[in-house]
PDB file of N, CA and C in Angstrom:
ATOM      1  N   MET A   1      88.993  98.935 106.064  1.00  0.00           N
ATOM      2  CA  MET A   1      89.973  98.119 105.366  1.00  0.00           C
ATOM      3  C   MET A   1      91.339  98.798 105.469  1.00  0.00           C
ATOM      4  N   GLY A   2      92.345  98.041 105.911  1.00  0.00           N
ATOM      5  CA  GLY A   2      93.682  98.582 106.111  1.00  0.00           C
ATOM      6  C   GLY A   2      94.356  99.044 104.828  1.00  0.00           C
ATOM      7  N   ILE A   3      94.035  98.430 103.706  1.00  0.00           N
ATOM      8  CA  ILE A   3      94.650  98.808 102.429  1.00  0.00           C
ATOM      9  C   ILE A   3      94.218 100.217 102.043  1.00  0.00           C
ATOM     10  N   ARG A   4      92.950 100.532 102.265  1.00  0.00           N
ATOM     11  CA  ARG A   4      92.480 101.903 101.983  1.00  0.00           C
ATOM     12  C   ARG A   4      93.185 102.906 102.883  1.00  0.00           C
ATOM     13  N   ALA A   5      93.357 102.560 104.151  1.00  0.00           N
ATOM     14  CA  ALA A   5      94.048 103.456 105.087  1.00  0.00           C
ATOM     15  C   ALA A   5      95.479 103.703 104.622  1.00  0.00           C
ATOM     16  N   ALA A   6      96.144 102.672 104.122  1.00  0.00           N
ATOM     17  CA  ALA A   6      97.507 102.828 103.611  1.00  0.00           C
ATOM     18  C   ALA A   6      97.524 103.757 102.397  1.00  0.00           C
ATOM     19  N   LEU A   7      96.549 103.623 101.520  1.00  0.00           N
ATOM     20  CA  LEU A   7      96.470 104.505 100.345  1.00  0.00           C
ATOM     21  C   LEU A   7      96.232 105.949 100.750  1.00  0.00           C
ATOM     22  N   GLU A   8      95.368 106.173 101.738  1.00  0.00           N
ATOM     23  CA  GLU A   8      95.096 107.531 102.211  1.00  0.00           C
ATOM     24  C   GLU A   8      96.357 108.188 102.761  1.00  0.00           C
ATOM     25  N   ARG A   9      97.262 107.383 103.296  1.00  0.00           N
ATOM     26  CA  ARG A   9      98.508 107.902 103.864  1.00  0.00           C
ATOM     27  C   ARG A   9      99.630 107.914 102.833  1.00  0.00           C
ATOM     28  N   LYS A  10      99.276 107.645 101.568  1.00  0.00           N
ATOM     29  CA  LYS A  10     100.200 107.697 100.440  1.00  0.00           C
ATOM     30  C   LYS A  10     101.363 106.714 100.579  1.00  0.00           C
ATOM     31  N   ILE A  11     101.091 105.572 101.210  1.00  0.00           N
ATOM     32  CA  ILE A  11     102.083 104.505 101.317  1.00  0.00           C
ATOM     33  C   ILE A  11     102.156 103.809  99.964  1.00  0.00           C
ATOM     34  N   LYS A  12     103.360 103.565  99.484  1.00  0.00           N
ATOM     35  CA  LYS A  12     103.531 102.988  98.152  1.00  0.00           C
ATOM     36  C   LYS A  12     103.980 101.527  98.165  1.00  0.00           C
ATOM     37  N   VAL A  13     104.626 101.081  99.241  1.00  0.00           N
ATOM     38  CA  VAL A  13     105.068  99.690  99.357  1.00  0.00           C
ATOM     39  C   VAL A  13     104.471  99.142 100.653  1.00  0.00           C
ATOM     40  N   LEU A  14     103.776  98.007 100.539  1.00  0.00           N
ATOM     41  CA  LEU A  14     103.025  97.496 101.683  1.00  0.00           C
ATOM     42  C   LEU A  14     103.152  95.980 101.785  1.00  0.00           C
ATOM     43  N   GLU A  15     103.312  95.489 103.012  1.00  0.00           N
ATOM     44  CA  GLU A  15     103.250  94.061 103.298  1.00  0.00           C
ATOM     45  C   GLU A  15     101.986  93.834 104.105  1.00  0.00           C
ATOM     46  N   VAL A  16     101.108  92.968 103.604  1.00  0.00           N
ATOM     47  CA  VAL A  16      99.845  92.668 104.268  1.00  0.00           C
ATOM     48  C   VAL A  16      99.962  91.288 104.895  1.00  0.00           C
ATOM     49  N   TYR A  17      99.750  91.205 106.206  1.00  0.00           N
ATOM     50  CA  TYR A  17      99.789  89.939 106.920  1.00  0.00           C
ATOM     51  C   TYR A  17      98.376  89.575 107.333  1.00  0.00           C
ATOM     52  N   GLY A  18      97.995  88.335 107.113  1.00  0.00           N
ATOM     53  CA  GLY A  18      96.668  87.887 107.508  1.00  0.00           C
ATOM     54  C   GLY A  18      96.701  86.474 108.025  1.00  0.00           C
ATOM     55  N   ASP A  19      95.795  86.178 108.981  1.00  0.00           N
ATOM     56  CA  ASP A  19      95.750  84.827 109.535  1.00  0.00           C
ATOM     57  C   ASP A  19      94.563  84.029 108.999  1.00  0.00           C
ATOM     58  N   PHE A  20      93.913  84.537 107.951  1.00  0.00           N
ATOM     59  CA  PHE A  20      92.825  83.816 107.310  1.00  0.00           C
ATOM     60  C   PHE A  20      93.354  83.307 105.968  1.00  0.00           C
ATOM     61  N   ALA A  21      93.799  82.057 105.961  1.00  0.00           N
ATOM     62  CA  ALA A  21      94.484  81.487 104.802  1.00  0.00           C
ATOM     63  C   ALA A  21      93.663  81.603 103.524  1.00  0.00           C
ATOM     64  N   LEU A  22      92.360  81.360 103.610  1.00  0.00           N
ATOM     65  CA  LEU A  22      91.511  81.408 102.425  1.00  0.00           C
ATOM     66  C   LEU A  22      91.651  82.741 101.696  1.00  0.00           C
ATOM     67  N   VAL A  23      91.527  83.836 102.418  1.00  0.00           N
ATOM     68  CA  VAL A  23      91.590  85.166 101.803  1.00  0.00           C
ATOM     69  C   VAL A  23      92.996  85.462 101.285  1.00  0.00           C
ATOM     70  N   ILE A  24      94.011  85.190 102.085  1.00  0.00           N
ATOM     71  CA  ILE A  24      95.389  85.499 101.675  1.00  0.00           C
ATOM     72  C   ILE A  24      95.756  84.749 100.400  1.00  0.00           C
ATOM     73  N   TYR A  25      95.498  83.444 100.353  1.00  0.00           N
ATOM     74  CA  TYR A  25      95.890  82.664  99.177  1.00  0.00           C
ATOM     75  C   TYR A  25      95.027  82.988  97.950  1.00  0.00           C
ATOM     76  N   GLN A  26      93.783  83.424  98.171  1.00  0.00           N
ATOM     77  CA  GLN A  26      92.969  83.859  97.037  1.00  0.00           C
ATOM     78  C   GLN A  26      93.497  85.186  96.480  1.00  0.00           C
ATOM     79  N   LEU A  27      93.903  86.087  97.361  1.00  0.00           N
ATOM     80  CA  LEU A  27      94.453  87.367  96.901  1.00  0.00           C
ATOM     81  C   LEU A  27      95.788  87.168  96.182  1.00  0.00           C
ATOM     82  N   LYS A  28      96.555  86.189  96.609  1.00  0.00           N
ATOM     83  CA  LYS A  28      97.830  85.900  95.944  1.00  0.00           C
ATOM     84  C   LYS A  28      97.618  85.178  94.620  1.00  0.00           C
ATOM     85  N   GLY A  29      96.392  84.715  94.375  1.00  0.00           N
ATOM     86  CA  GLY A  29      96.094  84.006  93.142  1.00  0.00           C
ATOM     87  C   GLY A  29      96.453  82.533  93.189  1.00  0.00           C
ATOM     88  N   GLU A  30      96.803  82.019  94.358  1.00  0.00           N
ATOM     89  CA  GLU A  30      97.188  80.619  94.494  1.00  0.00           C
ATOM     90  C   GLU A  30      95.978  79.703  94.667  1.00  0.00           C
ATOM     91  N   TRP A  31      94.864  80.265  95.161  1.00  0.00           N
ATOM     92  CA  TRP A  31      93.637  79.501  95.322  1.00  0.00           C
ATOM     93  C   TRP A  31      92.535  80.164  94.514  1.00  0.00           C
ATOM     94  N   GLU A  32      91.612  79.364  94.030  1.00  0.00           N
ATOM     95  CA  GLU A  32      90.481  79.872  93.266  1.00  0.00           C
ATOM     96  C   GLU A  32      89.448  80.493  94.205  1.00  0.00           C
ATOM     97  N   THR A  33      88.823  81.568  93.760  1.00  0.00           N
ATOM     98  CA  THR A  33      87.790  82.236  94.547  1.00  0.00           C
ATOM     99  C   THR A  33      86.435  81.832  93.977  1.00  0.00           C
ATOM    100  N   ARG A  34      85.616  81.150  94.781  1.00  0.00           N
ATOM    101  CA  ARG A  34      84.319  80.669  94.310  1.00  0.00           C
ATOM    102  C   ARG A  34      83.140  81.375  94.973  1.00  0.00           C
ATOM    103  N   ASP A  35      83.288  81.744  96.224  1.00  0.00           N
ATOM    104  CA  ASP A  35      82.194  82.387  96.956  1.00  0.00           C
ATOM    105  C   ASP A  35      81.895  83.742  96.320  1.00  0.00           C
ATOM    106  N   PRO A  36      80.632  83.998  95.921  1.00  0.00           N
ATOM    107  CA  PRO A  36      80.293  85.269  95.255  1.00  0.00           C
ATOM    108  C   PRO A  36      80.684  86.508  96.066  1.00  0.00           C
ATOM    109  N   MET A  37      80.544  86.440  97.392  1.00  0.00           N
ATOM    110  CA  MET A  37      80.923  87.604  98.210  1.00  0.00           C
ATOM    111  C   MET A  37      82.434  87.806  98.210  1.00  0.00           C
ATOM    112  N   LEU A  38      83.180  86.717  98.225  1.00  0.00           N
ATOM    113  CA  LEU A  38      84.639  86.829  98.196  1.00  0.00           C
ATOM    114  C   LEU A  38      85.145  87.227  96.819  1.00  0.00           C
ATOM    115  N   ILE A  39      84.399  86.874  95.771  1.00  0.00           N
ATOM    116  CA  ILE A  39      84.786  87.299  94.421  1.00  0.00           C
ATOM    117  C   ILE A  39      84.748  88.819  94.336  1.00  0.00           C
ATOM    118  N   ASP A  40      83.671  89.424  94.848  1.00  0.00           N
ATOM    119  CA  ASP A  40      83.574  90.886  94.846  1.00  0.00           C
ATOM    120  C   ASP A  40      84.654  91.519  95.716  1.00  0.00           C
ATOM    121  N   TYR A  41      84.915  90.922  96.871  1.00  0.00           N
ATOM    122  CA  TYR A  41      85.955  91.426  97.770  1.00  0.00           C
ATOM    123  C   TYR A  41      87.318  91.370  97.077  1.00  0.00           C
ATOM    124  N   ARG A  42      87.610  90.244  96.422  1.00  0.00           N
ATOM    125  CA  ARG A  42      88.891  90.091  95.727  1.00  0.00           C
ATOM    126  C   ARG A  42      89.035  91.123  94.614  1.00  0.00           C
ATOM    127  N   LYS A  43      87.958  91.348  93.845  1.00  0.00           N
ATOM    128  CA  LYS A  43      87.997  92.357  92.780  1.00  0.00           C
ATOM    129  C   LYS A  43      88.315  93.730  93.348  1.00  0.00           C
ATOM    130  N   LEU A  44      87.663  94.079  94.456  1.00  0.00           N
ATOM    131  CA  LEU A  44      87.894  95.381  95.091  1.00  0.00           C
ATOM    132  C   LEU A  44      89.348  95.518  95.523  1.00  0.00           C
ATOM    133  N   VAL A  45      89.862  94.503  96.205  1.00  0.00           N
ATOM    134  CA  VAL A  45      91.246  94.559  96.690  1.00  0.00           C
ATOM    135  C   VAL A  45      92.221  94.639  95.524  1.00  0.00           C
ATOM    136  N   LEU A  46      91.992  93.856  94.461  1.00  0.00           N
ATOM    137  CA  LEU A  46      92.905  93.879  93.318  1.00  0.00           C
ATOM    138  C   LEU A  46      92.881  95.229  92.602  1.00  0.00           C
ATOM    139  N   GLU A  47      91.771  95.941  92.636  1.00  0.00           N
ATOM    140  CA  GLU A  47      91.731  97.309  92.092  1.00  0.00           C
ATOM    141  C   GLU A  47      92.579  98.247  92.950  1.00  0.00           C
ATOM    142  N   LEU A  48      92.465  98.103  94.271  1.00  0.00           N
ATOM    143  CA  LEU A  48      93.250  98.948  95.182  1.00  0.00           C
ATOM    144  C   LEU A  48      94.740  98.651  95.067  1.00  0.00           C
ATOM    145  N   VAL A  49      95.094  97.390  94.838  1.00  0.00           N
ATOM    146  CA  VAL A  49      96.495  96.964  94.737  1.00  0.00           C
ATOM    147  C   VAL A  49      97.219  97.705  93.614  1.00  0.00           C
ATOM    148  N   LYS A  50      96.504  98.064  92.573  1.00  0.00           N
ATOM    149  CA  LYS A  50      97.112  98.753  91.433  1.00  0.00           C
ATOM    150  C   LYS A  50      97.717 100.104  91.819  1.00  0.00           C
ATOM    151  N   GLU A  51      97.269 100.667  92.941  1.00  0.00           N
ATOM    152  CA  GLU A  51      97.754 101.970  93.383  1.00  0.00           C
ATOM    153  C   GLU A  51      99.125 101.909  94.059  1.00  0.00           C
ATOM    154  N   PHE A  52      99.587 100.716  94.380  1.00  0.00           N
ATOM    155  CA  PHE A  52     100.860 100.553  95.084  1.00  0.00           C
ATOM    156  C   PHE A  52     101.986 100.256  94.098  1.00  0.00           C
ATOM    157  N   ASP A  53     103.201 100.675  94.468  1.00  0.00           N
ATOM    158  CA  ASP A  53     104.388 100.304  93.697  1.00  0.00           C
ATOM    159  C   ASP A  53     104.750  98.858  93.974  1.00  0.00           C
ATOM    160  N   GLY A  54     104.450  98.408  95.189  1.00  0.00           N
ATOM    161  CA  GLY A  54     104.721  97.030  95.570  1.00  0.00           C
ATOM    162  C   GLY A  54     103.840  96.629  96.729  1.00  0.00           C
ATOM    163  N   ILE A  55     103.238  95.456  96.636  1.00  0.00           N
ATOM    164  CA  ILE A  55     102.406  94.952  97.732  1.00  0.00           C
ATOM    165  C   ILE A  55     102.538  93.437  97.781  1.00  0.00           C
ATOM    166  N   THR A  56     102.691  92.892  98.989  1.00  0.00           N
ATOM    167  CA  THR A  56     102.783  91.445  99.161  1.00  0.00           C
ATOM    168  C   THR A  56     101.762  91.013 100.204  1.00  0.00           C
ATOM    169  N   PHE A  57     101.216  89.840 100.008  1.00  0.00           N
ATOM    170  CA  PHE A  57     100.277  89.254 100.958  1.00  0.00           C
ATOM    171  C   PHE A  57     100.951  88.049 101.573  1.00  0.00           C
ATOM    172  N   ARG A  58     100.977  88.001 102.888  1.00  0.00           N
ATOM    173  CA  ARG A  58     101.652  86.913 103.592  1.00  0.00           C
ATOM    174  C   ARG A  58     100.700  86.277 104.601  1.00  0.00           C
ATOM    175  N   TYR A  59     100.655  84.950 104.562  1.00  0.00           N
ATOM    176  CA  TYR A  59      99.847  84.213 105.524  1.00  0.00           C
ATOM    177  C   TYR A  59     100.627  84.062 106.816  1.00  0.00           C
ATOM    178  N   LEU A  60      99.962  84.299 107.914  1.00  0.00           N
ATOM    179  CA  LEU A  60     100.563  84.207 109.234  1.00  0.00           C
ATOM    180  C   LEU A  60      99.663  83.333 110.095  1.00  0.00           C
ATOM    181  N   LEU A  61     100.213  82.286 110.670  1.00  0.00           N
ATOM    182  CA  LEU A  61      99.405  81.423 111.532  1.00  0.00           C
ATOM    183  C   LEU A  61      98.767  82.243 112.649  1.00  0.00           C
ATOM    184  N   ARG A  62      97.550  81.904 112.990  1.00  0.00           N
ATOM    185  CA  ARG A  62      96.825  82.662 114.014  1.00  0.00           C
ATOM    186  C   ARG A  62      97.592  82.702 115.329  1.00  0.00           C
ATOM    187  N   ASP A  63      98.259  81.600 115.689  1.00  0.00           N
ATOM    188  CA  ASP A  63      99.038  81.555 116.933  1.00  0.00           C
ATOM    189  C   ASP A  63     100.216  82.530 116.907  1.00  0.00           C
ATOM    190  N   GLU A  64     100.691  82.866 115.717  1.00  0.00           N
ATOM    191  CA  GLU A  64     101.843  83.761 115.585  1.00  0.00           C
ATOM    192  C   GLU A  64     101.417  85.211 115.387  1.00  0.00           C
ATOM    193  N   ASN A  65     100.133  85.464 115.391  1.00  0.00           N
ATOM    194  CA  ASN A  65      99.628  86.802 115.102  1.00  0.00           C
ATOM    195  C   ASN A  65      99.313  87.558 116.391  1.00  0.00           C
ATOM    196  N   GLN A  66     100.280  87.611 117.294  1.00  0.00           N
ATOM    197  CA  GLN A  66     100.090  88.239 118.597  1.00  0.00           C
ATOM    198  C   GLN A  66      99.883  89.748 118.482  1.00  0.00           C
ATOM    199  N   MET A  67     100.533  90.382 117.502  1.00  0.00           N
ATOM    200  CA  MET A  67     100.384  91.824 117.338  1.00  0.00           C
ATOM    201  C   MET A  67      98.939  92.173 116.988  1.00  0.00           C
ATOM    202  N   ALA A  68      98.337  91.397 116.101  1.00  0.00           N
ATOM    203  CA  ALA A  68      96.942  91.654 115.727  1.00  0.00           C
ATOM    204  C   ALA A  68      96.027  91.473 116.929  1.00  0.00           C
ATOM    205  N   ASP A  69      96.289  90.463 117.746  1.00  0.00           N
ATOM    206  CA  ASP A  69      95.472  90.255 118.944  1.00  0.00           C
ATOM    207  C   ASP A  69      95.594  91.435 119.901  1.00  0.00           C
ATOM    208  N   ALA A  70      96.821  91.928 120.092  1.00  0.00           N
ATOM    209  CA  ALA A  70      97.030  93.064 120.987  1.00  0.00           C
ATOM    210  C   ALA A  70      96.344  94.320 120.456  1.00  0.00           C
ATOM    211  N   LEU A  71      96.471  94.580 119.156  1.00  0.00           N
ATOM    212  CA  LEU A  71      95.835  95.758 118.571  1.00  0.00           C
ATOM    213  C   LEU A  71      94.312  95.647 118.628  1.00  0.00           C
ATOM    214  N   ALA A  72      93.785  94.444 118.409  1.00  0.00           N
ATOM    215  CA  ALA A  72      92.333  94.248 118.488  1.00  0.00           C
ATOM    216  C   ALA A  72      91.839  94.489 119.906  1.00  0.00           C
ATOM    217  N   THR A  73      92.616  94.050 120.898  1.00  0.00           N
ATOM    218  CA  THR A  73      92.247  94.285 122.294  1.00  0.00           C
ATOM    219  C   THR A  73      92.211  95.784 122.577  1.00  0.00           C
ATOM    220  N   LEU A  74      93.245  96.501 122.145  1.00  0.00           N
ATOM    221  CA  LEU A  74      93.278  97.950 122.364  1.00  0.00           C
ATOM    222  C   LEU A  74      92.143  98.652 121.620  1.00  0.00           C
ATOM    223  N   ALA A  75      91.893  98.247 120.399  1.00  0.00           N
ATOM    224  CA  ALA A  75      90.848  98.886 119.597  1.00  0.00           C
ATOM    225  C   ALA A  75      89.477  98.711 120.229  1.00  0.00           C
ATOM    226  N   SER A  76      89.257  97.590 120.899  1.00  0.00           N
ATOM    227  CA  SER A  76      87.956  97.356 121.514  1.00  0.00           C
ATOM    228  C   SER A  76      87.772  98.181 122.785  1.00  0.00           C
ATOM    229  N   MET A  77      88.843  98.788 123.294  1.00  0.00           N
ATOM    230  CA  MET A  77      88.776  99.525 124.552  1.00  0.00           C
ATOM    231  C   MET A  77      88.538 101.021 124.376  1.00  0.00           C
ATOM    232  N   ILE A  78      88.728 101.533 123.183  1.00  0.00           N
ATOM    233  CA  ILE A  78      88.600 102.978 122.992  1.00  0.00           C
ATOM    234  C   ILE A  78      87.528 103.297 121.968  1.00  0.00           C
ATOM    235  N   LYS A  79      86.960 104.462 122.126  1.00  0.00           N
ATOM    236  CA  LYS A  79      86.010 104.959 121.140  1.00  0.00           C
ATOM    237  C   LYS A  79      86.696 106.104 120.413  1.00  0.00           C
ATOM    238  N   ALA A  80      86.897 105.954 119.126  1.00  0.00           N
ATOM    239  CA  ALA A  80      87.573 106.985 118.338  1.00  0.00           C
ATOM    240  C   ALA A  80      86.533 107.902 117.724  1.00  0.00           C
ATOM    241  N   ASN A  81      86.793 109.189 117.826  1.00  0.00           N
ATOM    242  CA  ASN A  81      85.939 110.179 117.187  1.00  0.00           C
ATOM    243  C   ASN A  81      86.392 110.291 115.738  1.00  0.00           C
ATOM    244  N   LYS A  82      85.492 110.028 114.814  1.00  0.00           N
ATOM    245  CA  LYS A  82      85.874 110.042 113.403  1.00  0.00           C
ATOM    246  C   LYS A  82      86.356 111.420 112.955  1.00  0.00           C
ATOM    247  N   GLN A  83      85.937 112.459 113.638  1.00  0.00           N
ATOM    248  CA  GLN A  83      86.374 113.812 113.285  1.00  0.00           C
ATOM    249  C   GLN A  83      87.808 114.067 113.752  1.00  0.00           C
ATOM    250  N   GLU A  84      88.227 113.331 114.777  1.00  0.00           N
ATOM    251  CA  GLU A  84      89.552 113.551 115.361  1.00  0.00           C
ATOM    252  C   GLU A  84      90.622 112.906 114.487  1.00  0.00           C
ATOM    253  N   ASP A  85      91.745 113.577 114.375  1.00  0.00           N
ATOM    254  CA  ASP A  85      92.864 113.032 113.618  1.00  0.00           C
ATOM    255  C   ASP A  85      93.604 112.050 114.509  1.00  0.00           C
ATOM    256  N   VAL A  86      93.511 110.770 114.206  1.00  0.00           N
ATOM    257  CA  VAL A  86      94.187 109.747 114.988  1.00  0.00           C
ATOM    258  C   VAL A  86      95.590 109.581 114.425  1.00  0.00           C
ATOM    259  N   LYS A  87      96.580 109.875 115.239  1.00  0.00           N
ATOM    260  CA  LYS A  87      97.959 109.786 114.792  1.00  0.00           C
ATOM    261  C   LYS A  87      98.462 108.352 114.924  1.00  0.00           C
ATOM    262  N   PRO A  88      99.294 107.904 114.001  1.00  0.00           N
ATOM    263  CA  PRO A  88      99.791 106.519 114.073  1.00  0.00           C
ATOM    264  C   PRO A  88     100.739 106.322 115.249  1.00  0.00           C
ATOM    265  N   ILE A  89     100.764 105.111 115.737  1.00  0.00           N
ATOM    266  CA  ILE A  89     101.698 104.736 116.799  1.00  0.00           C
ATOM    267  C   ILE A  89     102.886 104.072 116.122  1.00  0.00           C
ATOM    268  N   ARG A  90     104.073 104.603 116.348  1.00  0.00           N
ATOM    269  CA  ARG A  90     105.273 104.026 115.748  1.00  0.00           C
ATOM    270  C   ARG A  90     105.697 102.805 116.568  1.00  0.00           C
ATOM    271  N   MET A  91     106.056 101.732 115.861  1.00  0.00           N
ATOM    272  CA  MET A  91     106.467 100.504 116.534  1.00  0.00           C
ATOM    273  C   MET A  91     107.804 100.058 115.980  1.00  0.00           C
ATOM    274  N   SER A  92     108.572  99.420 116.839  1.00  0.00           N
ATOM    275  CA  SER A  92     109.845  98.840 116.429  1.00  0.00           C
ATOM    276  C   SER A  92     109.830  97.367 116.798  1.00  0.00           C
ATOM    277  N   ILE A  93     110.569  96.572 116.051  1.00  0.00           N
ATOM    278  CA  ILE A  93     110.649  95.143 116.333  1.00  0.00           C
ATOM    279  C   ILE A  93     112.050  94.854 116.859  1.00  0.00           C
ATOM    280  N   TYR A  94     112.101  94.224 118.019  1.00  0.00           N
ATOM    281  CA  TYR A  94     113.365  93.871 118.643  1.00  0.00           C
ATOM    282  C   TYR A  94     113.480  92.355 118.730  1.00  0.00           C
ATOM    283  N   GLU A  95     114.704  91.864 118.747  1.00  0.00           N
ATOM    284  CA  GLU A  95     114.927  90.423 118.833  1.00  0.00           C
ATOM    285  C   GLU A  95     114.540  89.877 120.206  1.00  0.00           C
ATOM    286  N   THR A  96     114.711  90.680 121.254  1.00  0.00           N
ATOM    287  CA  THR A  96     114.371  90.268 122.609  1.00  0.00           C
ATOM    288  C   THR A  96     113.067  90.938 123.010  1.00  0.00           C
ATOM    289  N   PRO A  97     112.121  90.219 123.589  1.00  0.00           N
ATOM    290  CA  PRO A  97     110.856  90.843 123.994  1.00  0.00           C
ATOM    291  C   PRO A  97     111.080  92.035 124.917  1.00  0.00           C
ATOM    292  N   ALA A  98     110.260  93.055 124.760  1.00  0.00           N
ATOM    293  CA  ALA A  98     110.423  94.303 125.500  1.00  0.00           C
ATOM    294  C   ALA A  98     110.363  94.094 127.007  1.00  0.00           C
ATOM    295  N   TYR A  99     109.550  93.156 127.474  1.00  0.00           N
ATOM    296  CA  TYR A  99     109.435  92.973 128.914  1.00  0.00           C
ATOM    297  C   TYR A  99     110.747  92.518 129.541  1.00  0.00           C
ATOM    298  N   CYS A 100     111.648  91.932 128.757  1.00  0.00           N
ATOM    299  CA  CYS A 100     112.938  91.523 129.303  1.00  0.00           C
ATOM    300  C   CYS A 100     113.794  92.729 129.680  1.00  0.00           C
ATOM    301  N   TYR A 101     113.614  93.833 128.965  1.00  0.00           N
ATOM    302  CA  TYR A 101     114.366  95.047 129.271  1.00  0.00           C
ATOM    303  C   TYR A 101     113.733  95.819 130.424  1.00  0.00           C
ATOM    304  N   ASN A 102     112.538  95.473 130.783  1.00  0.00           N
ATOM    305  CA  ASN A 102     111.772  96.250 131.738  1.00  0.00           C
ATOM    306  C   ASN A 102     111.796  95.660 133.144  1.00  0.00           C
ATOM    307  N   ILE A 103     112.452  94.547 133.340  1.00  0.00           N
ATOM    308  CA  ILE A 103     112.436  93.884 134.637  1.00  0.00           C
ATOM    309  C   ILE A 103     113.598  94.395 135.481  1.00  0.00           C
ATOM    310  N   GLU A 104     113.241  95.043 136.559  1.00  0.00           N
ATOM    311  CA  GLU A 104     114.237  95.503 137.529  1.00  0.00           C
ATOM    312  C   GLU A 104     113.704  95.150 138.907  1.00  0.00           C
ATOM    313  N   GLU A 105     114.473  94.408 139.680  1.00  0.00           N
ATOM    314  CA  GLU A 105     113.988  93.956 140.979  1.00  0.00           C
ATOM    315  C   GLU A 105     113.802  95.100 141.955  1.00  0.00           C
ATOM    316  N   ASP A 106     114.618  96.153 141.858  1.00  0.00           N
ATOM    317  CA  ASP A 106     114.544  97.261 142.800  1.00  0.00           C
ATOM    318  C   ASP A 106     113.319  98.132 142.557  1.00  0.00           C
ATOM    319  N   LYS A 107     112.835  98.130 141.344  1.00  0.00           N
ATOM    320  CA  LYS A 107     111.760  99.034 140.947  1.00  0.00           C
ATOM    321  C   LYS A 107     110.442  98.648 141.613  1.00  0.00           C
ATOM    322  N   GLU A 108     109.687  99.663 142.039  1.00  0.00           N
ATOM    323  CA  GLU A 108     108.379  99.395 142.627  1.00  0.00           C
ATOM    324  C   GLU A 108     107.430  98.884 141.559  1.00  0.00           C
ATOM    325  N   LYS A 109     106.616  97.909 141.912  1.00  0.00           N
ATOM    326  CA  LYS A 109     105.639  97.384 140.969  1.00  0.00           C
ATOM    327  C   LYS A 109     104.355  98.198 141.075  1.00  0.00           C
ATOM    328  N   ASP A 110     103.751  98.479 139.921  1.00  0.00           N
ATOM    329  CA  ASP A 110     102.454  99.150 139.952  1.00  0.00           C
ATOM    330  C   ASP A 110     101.358  98.115 139.713  1.00  0.00           C
ATOM    331  N   ASP A 111     100.127  98.519 139.917  1.00  0.00           N
ATOM    332  CA  ASP A 111      98.996  97.597 139.771  1.00  0.00           C
ATOM    333  C   ASP A 111      98.342  97.703 138.401  1.00  0.00           C
ATOM    334  N   HIS A 112      98.994  98.365 137.455  1.00  0.00           N
ATOM    335  CA  HIS A 112      98.413  98.549 136.131  1.00  0.00           C
ATOM    336  C   HIS A 112      98.584  97.304 135.279  1.00  0.00           C
ATOM    337  N   LEU A 113      97.646  97.115 134.361  1.00  0.00           N
ATOM    338  CA  LEU A 113      97.760  96.026 133.396  1.00  0.00           C
ATOM    339  C   LEU A 113      98.851  96.351 132.387  1.00  0.00           C
ATOM    340  N   TRP A 114      99.294  95.370 131.612  1.00  0.00           N
ATOM    341  CA  TRP A 114     100.418  95.519 130.696  1.00  0.00           C
ATOM    342  C   TRP A 114     100.200  96.613 129.661  1.00  0.00           C
ATOM    343  N   TYR A 115      98.970  96.889 129.291  1.00  0.00           N
ATOM    344  CA  TYR A 115      98.692  97.848 128.228  1.00  0.00           C
ATOM    345  C   TYR A 115      98.346  99.239 128.753  1.00  0.00           C
ATOM    346  N   HIS A 116      98.491  99.464 130.053  1.00  0.00           N
ATOM    347  CA  HIS A 116      98.097 100.742 130.654  1.00  0.00           C
ATOM    348  C   HIS A 116      98.766 101.949 129.970  1.00  0.00           C
ATOM    349  N   ASP A 117     100.083 101.887 129.784  1.00  0.00           N
ATOM    350  CA  ASP A 117     100.794 103.023 129.176  1.00  0.00           C
ATOM    351  C   ASP A 117     100.343 103.269 127.742  1.00  0.00           C
ATOM    352  N   ILE A 118     100.080 102.192 127.002  1.00  0.00           N
ATOM    353  CA  ILE A 118      99.613 102.345 125.624  1.00  0.00           C
ATOM    354  C   ILE A 118      98.234 102.996 125.619  1.00  0.00           C
ATOM    355  N   LEU A 119      97.366 102.527 126.492  1.00  0.00           N
ATOM    356  CA  LEU A 119      96.014 103.084 126.567  1.00  0.00           C
ATOM    357  C   LEU A 119      96.044 104.562 126.957  1.00  0.00           C
ATOM    358  N   GLN A 120      96.924 104.930 127.894  1.00  0.00           N
ATOM    359  CA  GLN A 120      97.058 106.338 128.289  1.00  0.00           C
ATOM    360  C   GLN A 120      97.494 107.192 127.107  1.00  0.00           C
ATOM    361  N   TYR A 121      98.402 106.661 126.299  1.00  0.00           N
ATOM    362  CA  TYR A 121      98.850 107.403 125.129  1.00  0.00           C
ATOM    363  C   TYR A 121      97.712 107.578 124.129  1.00  0.00           C
ATOM    364  N   VAL A 122      96.989 106.494 123.856  1.00  0.00           N
ATOM    365  CA  VAL A 122      95.904 106.559 122.878  1.00  0.00           C
ATOM    366  C   VAL A 122      94.809 107.502 123.349  1.00  0.00           C
ATOM    367  N   ARG A 123      94.451 107.434 124.626  1.00  0.00           N
ATOM    368  CA  ARG A 123      93.371 108.292 125.154  1.00  0.00           C
ATOM    369  C   ARG A 123      93.789 109.756 125.297  1.00  0.00           C
ATOM    370  N   ASN A 124      94.962 109.979 125.891  1.00  0.00           N
ATOM    371  CA  ASN A 124      95.343 111.336 126.318  1.00  0.00           C
ATOM    372  C   ASN A 124      96.583 111.892 125.651  1.00  0.00           C
ATOM    373  N   ARG A 125      97.202 111.112 124.749  1.00  0.00           N
ATOM    374  CA  ARG A 125      98.461 111.526 124.119  1.00  0.00           C
ATOM    375  C   ARG A 125      99.534 111.802 125.194  1.00  0.00           C
ATOM    376  N   GLU A 126      99.539 110.983 126.251  1.00  0.00           N
ATOM    377  CA  GLU A 126     100.508 111.121 127.338  1.00  0.00           C
ATOM    378  C   GLU A 126     101.484 109.964 127.312  1.00  0.00           C
ATOM    379  N   TYR A 127     102.764 110.281 127.336  1.00  0.00           N
ATOM    380  CA  TYR A 127     103.790 109.262 127.414  1.00  0.00           C
ATOM    381  C   TYR A 127     104.057 108.938 128.875  1.00  0.00           C
ATOM    382  N   PRO A 128     104.500 107.705 129.182  1.00  0.00           N
ATOM    383  CA  PRO A 128     104.840 107.383 130.573  1.00  0.00           C
ATOM    384  C   PRO A 128     106.059 108.190 131.014  1.00  0.00           C
ATOM    385  N   ASP A 129     106.172 108.371 132.327  1.00  0.00           N
ATOM    386  CA  ASP A 129     107.320 109.127 132.865  1.00  0.00           C
ATOM    387  C   ASP A 129     108.624 108.426 132.562  1.00  0.00           C
TER     388      ASP A 129
END
């Protein structure tokens, strides 16, 4: 659960984005929780929420949740050793997609997939040249 991970890192203000409307709106208190399994889940999350100075839950359409899809793809490609300290990857949000800055006609094209450099960093802690 990402909320527990945020607490372990002593994060005090958190924005939670989710593409499952049922869960997001139940956590916000806008929808009633009837499913017994979701009632327990909601209770657990609301207990964890008390540890934050500020937390917001935001619904995000599945089509707009490209970051989650990319992270899920990367997560499915690596095996993390639970004993190993996994360092966070810092991300920035730009108004123009990153690939627009990366297109140079003179530059040689490589045969790597779009996520090759990210995967190299996650596996070997190596930055691209």
